[in-house]
Amino acid sequence: MDRVGIGTTSPVSDIHTVSNSDHIITHQSTTSGADIRMNFRDSGNTDQGGIHYLFNGNSLKFITGTSERMRLDNAGNVGIGTTSPAAEI
């Protein structure tokens, strides 16, 4: 498997980034309202979890298996087992 190094010529993992200041990785969509997702798949190509940023509602949702388990909304409310958080932690 090929390794990708950004800021290094000797990557030690599949994607290895090195920075001498704040470390920022940016994922950007050029489609208005499109969500940004980081999914975790098993060897059978099945998503087993993920972290999704929802532009509509400005929130993050955390998924295990195929179910949303937690959501953090733009007001700082955290909901566990609900898609409508109503309380800050």
PDB file of N, CA and C in Angstrom:
ATOM      1  N   MET A   1       0.842  -1.178   0.000  1.00  0.00           N
ATOM      2  CA  MET A   1       0.000   0.000   0.000  1.00  0.00           C
ATOM      3  C   MET A   1       0.886   1.239   0.000  1.00  0.00           C
ATOM      4  N   ASP A   2       0.513   2.190  -0.824  1.00  0.00           N
ATOM      5  CA  ASP A   2       1.243   3.453  -0.873  1.00  0.00           C
ATOM      6  C   ASP A   2       0.906   4.315   0.330  1.00  0.00           C
ATOM      7  N   ARG A   3       1.889   5.064   0.776  1.00  0.00           N
ATOM      8  CA  ARG A   3       1.700   6.007   1.869  1.00  0.00           C
ATOM      9  C   ARG A   3       1.835   7.421   1.331  1.00  0.00           C
ATOM     10  N   VAL A   4       1.069   8.331   1.912  1.00  0.00           N
ATOM     11  CA  VAL A   4       1.096   9.736   1.511  1.00  0.00           C
ATOM     12  C   VAL A   4       1.693  10.550   2.645  1.00  0.00           C
ATOM     13  N   GLY A   5       2.710  11.335   2.332  1.00  0.00           N
ATOM     14  CA  GLY A   5       3.325  12.211   3.316  1.00  0.00           C
ATOM     15  C   GLY A   5       3.153  13.655   2.919  1.00  0.00           C
ATOM     16  N   ILE A   6       2.659  14.455   3.843  1.00  0.00           N
ATOM     17  CA  ILE A   6       2.542  15.897   3.637  1.00  0.00           C
ATOM     18  C   ILE A   6       3.415  16.540   4.700  1.00  0.00           C
ATOM     19  N   GLY A   7       4.474  17.197   4.277  1.00  0.00           N
ATOM     20  CA  GLY A   7       5.422  17.783   5.210  1.00  0.00           C
ATOM     21  C   GLY A   7       6.473  16.781   5.674  1.00  0.00           C
ATOM     22  N   THR A   8       6.441  15.584   5.099  1.00  0.00           N
ATOM     23  CA  THR A   8       7.432  14.555   5.408  1.00  0.00           C
ATOM     24  C   THR A   8       7.689  13.719   4.164  1.00  0.00           C
ATOM     25  N   THR A   9       8.914  13.275   4.000  1.00  0.00           N
ATOM     26  CA  THR A   9       9.244  12.381   2.884  1.00  0.00           C
ATOM     27  C   THR A   9       9.300  10.936   3.351  1.00  0.00           C
ATOM     28  N   SER A  10       9.047  10.707   4.653  1.00  0.00           N
ATOM     29  CA  SER A  10       9.083   9.360   5.220  1.00  0.00           C
ATOM     30  C   SER A  10       7.818   9.071   6.018  1.00  0.00           C
ATOM     31  N   PRO A  11       6.667   8.957   5.342  1.00  0.00           N
ATOM     32  CA  PRO A  11       5.426   8.692   6.076  1.00  0.00           C
ATOM     33  C   PRO A  11       5.471   7.328   6.767  1.00  0.00           C
ATOM     34  N   VAL A  12       4.973   7.289   8.005  1.00  0.00           N
ATOM     35  CA  VAL A  12       4.961   6.038   8.769  1.00  0.00           C
ATOM     36  C   VAL A  12       3.560   5.426   8.854  1.00  0.00           C
ATOM     37  N   SER A  13       2.575   6.079   8.250  1.00  0.00           N
ATOM     38  CA  SER A  13       1.218   5.539   8.201  1.00  0.00           C
ATOM     39  C   SER A  13       0.633   5.860   6.829  1.00  0.00           C
ATOM     40  N   ASP A  14      -0.584   5.406   6.571  1.00  0.00           N
ATOM     41  CA  ASP A  14      -1.195   5.600   5.255  1.00  0.00           C
ATOM     42  C   ASP A  14      -1.232   7.072   4.850  1.00  0.00           C
ATOM     43  N   ILE A  15      -1.642   7.934   5.782  1.00  0.00           N
ATOM     44  CA  ILE A  15      -1.598   9.373   5.576  1.00  0.00           C
ATOM     45  C   ILE A  15      -0.881   9.960   6.778  1.00  0.00           C
ATOM     46  N   HIS A  16       0.212  10.648   6.541  1.00  0.00           N
ATOM     47  CA  HIS A  16       1.052  11.183   7.619  1.00  0.00           C
ATOM     48  C   HIS A  16       1.321  12.643   7.312  1.00  0.00           C
ATOM     49  N   THR A  17       0.864  13.526   8.194  1.00  0.00           N
ATOM     50  CA  THR A  17       1.099  14.953   8.009  1.00  0.00           C
ATOM     51  C   THR A  17       1.986  15.474   9.131  1.00  0.00           C
ATOM     52  N   VAL A  18       2.853  16.418   8.792  1.00  0.00           N
ATOM     53  CA  VAL A  18       3.765  17.034   9.754  1.00  0.00           C
ATOM     54  C   VAL A  18       3.688  18.540   9.574  1.00  0.00           C
ATOM     55  N   SER A  19       3.634  19.259  10.698  1.00  0.00           N
ATOM     56  CA  SER A  19       3.573  20.721  10.656  1.00  0.00           C
ATOM     57  C   SER A  19       4.370  21.286  11.818  1.00  0.00           C
ATOM     58  N   ASN A  20       4.984  22.439  11.615  1.00  0.00           N
ATOM     59  CA  ASN A  20       5.720  23.068  12.710  1.00  0.00           C
ATOM     60  C   ASN A  20       4.911  24.180  13.371  1.00  0.00           C
ATOM     61  N   SER A  21       3.591  24.214  13.103  1.00  0.00           N
ATOM     62  CA  SER A  21       2.696  25.173  13.749  1.00  0.00           C
ATOM     63  C   SER A  21       1.362  24.470  13.987  1.00  0.00           C
ATOM     64  N   ASP A  22       0.286  25.231  14.168  1.00  0.00           N
ATOM     65  CA  ASP A  22      -1.025  24.607  14.344  1.00  0.00           C
ATOM     66  C   ASP A  22      -1.259  23.588  13.241  1.00  0.00           C
ATOM     67  N   HIS A  23      -1.823  22.466  13.596  1.00  0.00           N
ATOM     68  CA  HIS A  23      -2.039  21.381  12.638  1.00  0.00           C
ATOM     69  C   HIS A  23      -3.503  21.386  12.221  1.00  0.00           C
ATOM     70  N   ILE A  24      -3.774  21.733  10.979  1.00  0.00           N
ATOM     71  CA  ILE A  24      -5.139  21.872  10.484  1.00  0.00           C
ATOM     72  C   ILE A  24      -5.315  21.001   9.254  1.00  0.00           C
ATOM     73  N   ILE A  25      -6.373  20.221   9.251  1.00  0.00           N
ATOM     74  CA  ILE A  25      -6.756  19.449   8.071  1.00  0.00           C
ATOM     75  C   ILE A  25      -8.128  19.973   7.653  1.00  0.00           C
ATOM     76  N   THR A  26      -8.260  20.387   6.417  1.00  0.00           N
ATOM     77  CA  THR A  26      -9.499  20.991   5.937  1.00  0.00           C
ATOM     78  C   THR A  26     -10.187  20.083   4.932  1.00  0.00           C
ATOM     79  N   HIS A  27     -11.472  19.882   5.133  1.00  0.00           N
ATOM     80  CA  HIS A  27     -12.326  19.179   4.168  1.00  0.00           C
ATOM     81  C   HIS A  27     -13.357  20.205   3.711  1.00  0.00           C
ATOM     82  N   GLN A  28     -13.431  20.450   2.418  1.00  0.00           N
ATOM     83  CA  GLN A  28     -14.317  21.499   1.903  1.00  0.00           C
ATOM     84  C   GLN A  28     -15.186  20.946   0.797  1.00  0.00           C
ATOM     85  N   SER A  29     -16.457  21.297   0.854  1.00  0.00           N
ATOM     86  CA  SER A  29     -17.382  20.938  -0.212  1.00  0.00           C
ATOM     87  C   SER A  29     -17.625  22.166  -1.073  1.00  0.00           C
ATOM     88  N   THR A  30     -17.683  21.974  -2.370  1.00  0.00           N
ATOM     89  CA  THR A  30     -17.987  23.084  -3.271  1.00  0.00           C
ATOM     90  C   THR A  30     -19.471  23.112  -3.630  1.00  0.00           C
ATOM     91  N   THR A  31     -20.246  22.210  -3.030  1.00  0.00           N
ATOM     92  CA  THR A  31     -21.684  22.160  -3.262  1.00  0.00           C
ATOM     93  C   THR A  31     -22.401  22.735  -2.049  1.00  0.00           C
ATOM     94  N   SER A  32     -23.193  23.765  -2.260  1.00  0.00           N
ATOM     95  CA  SER A  32     -23.905  24.415  -1.159  1.00  0.00           C
ATOM     96  C   SER A  32     -24.789  23.418  -0.428  1.00  0.00           C
ATOM     97  N   GLY A  33     -24.641  23.359   0.895  1.00  0.00           N
ATOM     98  CA  GLY A  33     -25.479  22.489   1.716  1.00  0.00           C
ATOM     99  C   GLY A  33     -25.044  21.042   1.785  1.00  0.00           C
ATOM    100  N   ALA A  34     -24.009  20.666   1.045  1.00  0.00           N
ATOM    101  CA  ALA A  34     -23.553  19.275   1.080  1.00  0.00           C
ATOM    102  C   ALA A  34     -22.842  19.002   2.402  1.00  0.00           C
ATOM    103  N   ASP A  35     -23.160  17.880   3.036  1.00  0.00           N
ATOM    104  CA  ASP A  35     -22.522  17.505   4.291  1.00  0.00           C
ATOM    105  C   ASP A  35     -21.097  17.022   4.036  1.00  0.00           C
ATOM    106  N   ILE A  36     -20.271  17.090   5.069  1.00  0.00           N
ATOM    107  CA  ILE A  36     -18.920  16.544   4.999  1.00  0.00           C
ATOM    108  C   ILE A  36     -18.866  15.368   5.957  1.00  0.00           C
ATOM    109  N   ARG A  37     -18.397  14.226   5.477  1.00  0.00           N
ATOM    110  CA  ARG A  37     -18.438  13.000   6.268  1.00  0.00           C
ATOM    111  C   ARG A  37     -17.083  12.307   6.310  1.00  0.00           C
ATOM    112  N   MET A  38     -16.783  11.761   7.473  1.00  0.00           N
ATOM    113  CA  MET A  38     -15.646  10.870   7.622  1.00  0.00           C
ATOM    114  C   MET A  38     -16.235   9.547   8.102  1.00  0.00           C
ATOM    115  N   ASN A  39     -16.183   8.539   7.247  1.00  0.00           N
ATOM    116  CA  ASN A  39     -16.776   7.242   7.557  1.00  0.00           C
ATOM    117  C   ASN A  39     -15.692   6.214   7.853  1.00  0.00           C
ATOM    118  N   PHE A  40     -16.047   5.247   8.682  1.00  0.00           N
ATOM    119  CA  PHE A  40     -15.138   4.163   9.050  1.00  0.00           C
ATOM    120  C   PHE A  40     -15.738   2.859   8.544  1.00  0.00           C
ATOM    121  N   ARG A  41     -14.996   2.168   7.659  1.00  0.00           N
ATOM    122  CA  ARG A  41     -15.512   0.955   7.009  1.00  0.00           C
ATOM    123  C   ARG A  41     -14.759  -0.282   7.441  1.00  0.00           C
ATOM    124  N   ASP A  42     -15.471  -1.405   7.378  1.00  0.00           N
ATOM    125  CA  ASP A  42     -14.830  -2.686   7.654  1.00  0.00           C
ATOM    126  C   ASP A  42     -14.314  -3.296   6.350  1.00  0.00           C
ATOM    127  N   SER A  43     -13.741  -4.489   6.447  1.00  0.00           N
ATOM    128  CA  SER A  43     -13.146  -5.133   5.266  1.00  0.00           C
ATOM    129  C   SER A  43     -14.186  -5.519   4.218  1.00  0.00           C
ATOM    130  N   GLY A  44     -15.454  -5.559   4.602  1.00  0.00           N
ATOM    131  CA  GLY A  44     -16.527  -5.873   3.656  1.00  0.00           C
ATOM    132  C   GLY A  44     -17.115  -4.639   2.994  1.00  0.00           C
ATOM    133  N   ASN A  45     -16.456  -3.488   3.146  1.00  0.00           N
ATOM    134  CA  ASN A  45     -16.894  -2.227   2.538  1.00  0.00           C
ATOM    135  C   ASN A  45     -18.191  -1.690   3.137  1.00  0.00           C
ATOM    136  N   THR A  46     -18.456  -2.046   4.398  1.00  0.00           N
ATOM    137  CA  THR A  46     -19.660  -1.592   5.077  1.00  0.00           C
ATOM    138  C   THR A  46     -19.288  -0.530   6.106  1.00  0.00           C
ATOM    139  N   ASP A  47     -19.961   0.616   6.041  1.00  0.00           N
ATOM    140  CA  ASP A  47     -19.712   1.668   7.038  1.00  0.00           C
ATOM    141  C   ASP A  47     -20.108   1.157   8.413  1.00  0.00           C
ATOM    142  N   GLN A  48     -19.211   1.316   9.377  1.00  0.00           N
ATOM    143  CA  GLN A  48     -19.468   0.886  10.748  1.00  0.00           C
ATOM    144  C   GLN A  48     -19.524   2.055  11.722  1.00  0.00           C
ATOM    145  N   GLY A  49     -19.288   3.256  11.233  1.00  0.00           N
ATOM    146  CA  GLY A  49     -19.343   4.445  12.073  1.00  0.00           C
ATOM    147  C   GLY A  49     -18.909   5.653  11.277  1.00  0.00           C
ATOM    148  N   GLY A  50     -19.009   6.814  11.920  1.00  0.00           N
ATOM    149  CA  GLY A  50     -18.577   8.013  11.229  1.00  0.00           C
ATOM    150  C   GLY A  50     -18.821   9.272  12.039  1.00  0.00           C
ATOM    151  N   ILE A  51     -18.235  10.337  11.547  1.00  0.00           N
ATOM    152  CA  ILE A  51     -18.455  11.677  12.075  1.00  0.00           C
ATOM    153  C   ILE A  51     -18.901  12.519  10.886  1.00  0.00           C
ATOM    154  N   HIS A  52     -20.065  13.116  10.998  1.00  0.00           N
ATOM    155  CA  HIS A  52     -20.629  13.877   9.887  1.00  0.00           C
ATOM    156  C   HIS A  52     -20.881  15.315  10.319  1.00  0.00           C
ATOM    157  N   TYR A  53     -20.433  16.278   9.503  1.00  0.00           N
ATOM    158  CA  TYR A  53     -20.761  17.685   9.728  1.00  0.00           C
ATOM    159  C   TYR A  53     -21.946  18.021   8.847  1.00  0.00           C
ATOM    160  N   LEU A  54     -23.008  18.533   9.444  1.00  0.00           N
ATOM    161  CA  LEU A  54     -24.223  18.876   8.715  1.00  0.00           C
ATOM    162  C   LEU A  54     -24.295  20.388   8.533  1.00  0.00           C
ATOM    163  N   PHE A  55     -24.153  20.854   7.301  1.00  0.00           N
ATOM    164  CA  PHE A  55     -24.229  22.285   7.043  1.00  0.00           C
ATOM    165  C   PHE A  55     -25.619  22.820   7.381  1.00  0.00           C
ATOM    166  N   ASN A  56     -26.652  22.062   7.027  1.00  0.00           N
ATOM    167  CA  ASN A  56     -28.018  22.458   7.355  1.00  0.00           C
ATOM    168  C   ASN A  56     -28.218  22.170   8.841  1.00  0.00           C
ATOM    169  N   GLY A  57     -28.136  23.180   9.666  1.00  0.00           N
ATOM    170  CA  GLY A  57     -28.250  23.011  11.104  1.00  0.00           C
ATOM    171  C   GLY A  57     -26.938  23.225  11.826  1.00  0.00           C
ATOM    172  N   ASN A  58     -25.831  23.287  11.078  1.00  0.00           N
ATOM    173  CA  ASN A  58     -24.519  23.574  11.647  1.00  0.00           C
ATOM    174  C   ASN A  58     -24.246  22.702  12.867  1.00  0.00           C
ATOM    175  N   SER A  59     -24.186  21.379  12.666  1.00  0.00           N
ATOM    176  CA  SER A  59     -23.993  20.464  13.783  1.00  0.00           C
ATOM    177  C   SER A  59     -23.111  19.288  13.370  1.00  0.00           C
ATOM    178  N   LEU A  60     -22.608  18.583  14.380  1.00  0.00           N
ATOM    179  CA  LEU A  60     -21.835  17.366  14.177  1.00  0.00           C
ATOM    180  C   LEU A  60     -22.634  16.182  14.683  1.00  0.00           C
ATOM    181  N   LYS A  61     -22.644  15.093  13.926  1.00  0.00           N
ATOM    182  CA  LYS A  61     -23.277  13.891  14.434  1.00  0.00           C
ATOM    183  C   LYS A  61     -22.273  12.751  14.434  1.00  0.00           C
ATOM    184  N   PHE A  62     -22.392  11.903  15.431  1.00  0.00           N
ATOM    185  CA  PHE A  62     -21.484  10.783  15.635  1.00  0.00           C
ATOM    186  C   PHE A  62     -22.290   9.495  15.495  1.00  0.00           C
ATOM    187  N   ILE A  63     -21.781   8.587  14.659  1.00  0.00           N
ATOM    188  CA  ILE A  63     -22.521   7.383  14.296  1.00  0.00           C
ATOM    189  C   ILE A  63     -21.712   6.143  14.648  1.00  0.00           C
ATOM    190  N   THR A  64     -22.384   5.137  15.194  1.00  0.00           N
ATOM    191  CA  THR A  64     -21.801   3.800  15.313  1.00  0.00           C
ATOM    192  C   THR A  64     -22.775   2.839  14.666  1.00  0.00           C
ATOM    193  N   GLY A  65     -22.229   1.823  13.991  1.00  0.00           N
ATOM    194  CA  GLY A  65     -23.098   0.953  13.205  1.00  0.00           C
ATOM    195  C   GLY A  65     -23.790   1.801  12.159  1.00  0.00           C
ATOM    196  N   THR A  66     -25.099   1.739  12.138  1.00  0.00           N
ATOM    197  CA  THR A  66     -25.856   2.560  11.188  1.00  0.00           C
ATOM    198  C   THR A  66     -26.694   3.614  11.902  1.00  0.00           C
ATOM    199  N   SER A  67     -26.470   3.793  13.215  1.00  0.00           N
ATOM    200  CA  SER A  67     -27.316   4.697  13.991  1.00  0.00           C
ATOM    201  C   SER A  67     -26.551   5.902  14.522  1.00  0.00           C
ATOM    202  N   GLU A  68     -27.224   7.048  14.487  1.00  0.00           N
ATOM    203  CA  GLU A  68     -26.665   8.231  15.117  1.00  0.00           C
ATOM    204  C   GLU A  68     -26.741   8.046  16.626  1.00  0.00           C
ATOM    205  N   ARG A  69     -25.629   8.266  17.317  1.00  0.00           N
ATOM    206  CA  ARG A  69     -25.577   8.066  18.765  1.00  0.00           C
ATOM    207  C   ARG A  69     -25.492   9.376  19.540  1.00  0.00           C
ATOM    208  N   MET A  70     -24.896  10.413  18.898  1.00  0.00           N
ATOM    209  CA  MET A  70     -24.724  11.680  19.593  1.00  0.00           C
ATOM    210  C   MET A  70     -24.694  12.807  18.569  1.00  0.00           C
ATOM    211  N   ARG A  71     -25.215  13.974  18.982  1.00  0.00           N
ATOM    212  CA  ARG A  71     -25.173  15.156  18.122  1.00  0.00           C
ATOM    213  C   ARG A  71     -24.772  16.362  18.963  1.00  0.00           C
ATOM    214  N   LEU A  72     -23.918  17.184  18.382  1.00  0.00           N
ATOM    215  CA  LEU A  72     -23.493  18.453  18.982  1.00  0.00           C
ATOM    216  C   LEU A  72     -23.975  19.553  18.058  1.00  0.00           C
ATOM    217  N   ASP A  73     -24.851  20.435  18.563  1.00  0.00           N
ATOM    218  CA  ASP A  73     -25.379  21.472  17.685  1.00  0.00           C
ATOM    219  C   ASP A  73     -24.612  22.782  17.828  1.00  0.00           C
ATOM    220  N   ASN A  74     -24.982  23.769  17.017  1.00  0.00           N
ATOM    221  CA  ASN A  74     -24.234  25.025  16.978  1.00  0.00           C
ATOM    222  C   ASN A  74     -24.417  25.882  18.230  1.00  0.00           C
ATOM    223  N   ALA A  75     -25.335  25.533  19.107  1.00  0.00           N
ATOM    224  CA  ALA A  75     -25.527  26.266  20.356  1.00  0.00           C
ATOM    225  C   ALA A  75     -24.733  25.635  21.500  1.00  0.00           C
ATOM    226  N   GLY A  76     -24.034  24.534  21.205  1.00  0.00           N
ATOM    227  CA  GLY A  76     -23.264  23.849  22.235  1.00  0.00           C
ATOM    228  C   GLY A  76     -24.056  22.783  22.965  1.00  0.00           C
ATOM    229  N   ASN A  77     -25.261  22.507  22.498  1.00  0.00           N
ATOM    230  CA  ASN A  77     -26.075  21.459  23.098  1.00  0.00           C
ATOM    231  C   ASN A  77     -25.613  20.100  22.618  1.00  0.00           C
ATOM    232  N   VAL A  78     -25.595  19.135  23.529  1.00  0.00           N
ATOM    233  CA  VAL A  78     -25.195  17.773  23.202  1.00  0.00           C
ATOM    234  C   VAL A  78     -26.381  16.854  23.441  1.00  0.00           C
ATOM    235  N   GLY A  79     -26.718  16.075  22.442  1.00  0.00           N
ATOM    236  CA  GLY A  79     -27.791  15.095  22.590  1.00  0.00           C
ATOM    237  C   GLY A  79     -27.233  13.703  22.423  1.00  0.00           C
ATOM    238  N   ILE A  80     -27.492  12.842  23.372  1.00  0.00           N
ATOM    239  CA  ILE A  80     -27.068  11.446  23.294  1.00  0.00           C
ATOM    240  C   ILE A  80     -28.325  10.611  23.122  1.00  0.00           C
ATOM    241  N   GLY A  81     -28.381   9.875  22.018  1.00  0.00           N
ATOM    242  CA  GLY A  81     -29.559   9.073  21.713  1.00  0.00           C
ATOM    243  C   GLY A  81     -30.713   9.888  21.150  1.00  0.00           C
ATOM    244  N   THR A  82     -30.429  11.117  20.697  1.00  0.00           N
ATOM    245  CA  THR A  82     -31.454  11.961  20.092  1.00  0.00           C
ATOM    246  C   THR A  82     -30.825  12.806  18.998  1.00  0.00           C
ATOM    247  N   THR A  83     -31.612  13.167  18.009  1.00  0.00           N
ATOM    248  CA  THR A  83     -31.137  14.044  16.950  1.00  0.00           C
ATOM    249  C   THR A  83     -31.490  15.501  17.237  1.00  0.00           C
ATOM    250  N   SER A  84     -32.127  15.762  18.387  1.00  0.00           N
ATOM    251  CA  SER A  84     -32.516  17.116  18.772  1.00  0.00           C
ATOM    252  C   SER A  84     -31.981  17.456  20.159  1.00  0.00           C
ATOM    253  N   PRO A  85     -30.690  17.786  20.260  1.00  0.00           N
ATOM    254  CA  PRO A  85     -30.113  18.106  21.578  1.00  0.00           C
ATOM    255  C   PRO A  85     -30.794  19.310  22.205  1.00  0.00           C
ATOM    256  N   ALA A  86     -31.001  19.237  23.521  1.00  0.00           N
ATOM    257  CA  ALA A  86     -31.675  20.326  24.201  1.00  0.00           C
ATOM    258  C   ALA A  86     -30.932  20.814  25.432  1.00  0.00           C
ATOM    259  N   ALA A  87     -29.753  20.268  25.693  1.00  0.00           N
ATOM    260  CA  ALA A  87     -29.045  20.676  26.904  1.00  0.00           C
ATOM    261  C   ALA A  87     -27.552  20.741  26.667  1.00  0.00           C
ATOM    262  N   GLU A  88     -26.907  21.696  27.340  1.00  0.00           N
ATOM    263  CA  GLU A  88     -25.453  21.796  27.318  1.00  0.00           C
ATOM    264  C   GLU A  88     -24.890  20.890  28.395  1.00  0.00           C
ATOM    265  N   ILE A  89     -23.727  20.361  28.137  1.00  0.00           N
ATOM    266  CA  ILE A  89     -23.048  19.552  29.157  1.00  0.00           C
ATOM    267  C   ILE A  89     -22.075  20.424  29.898  1.00  0.00           C
TER     268      ILE A  89
END
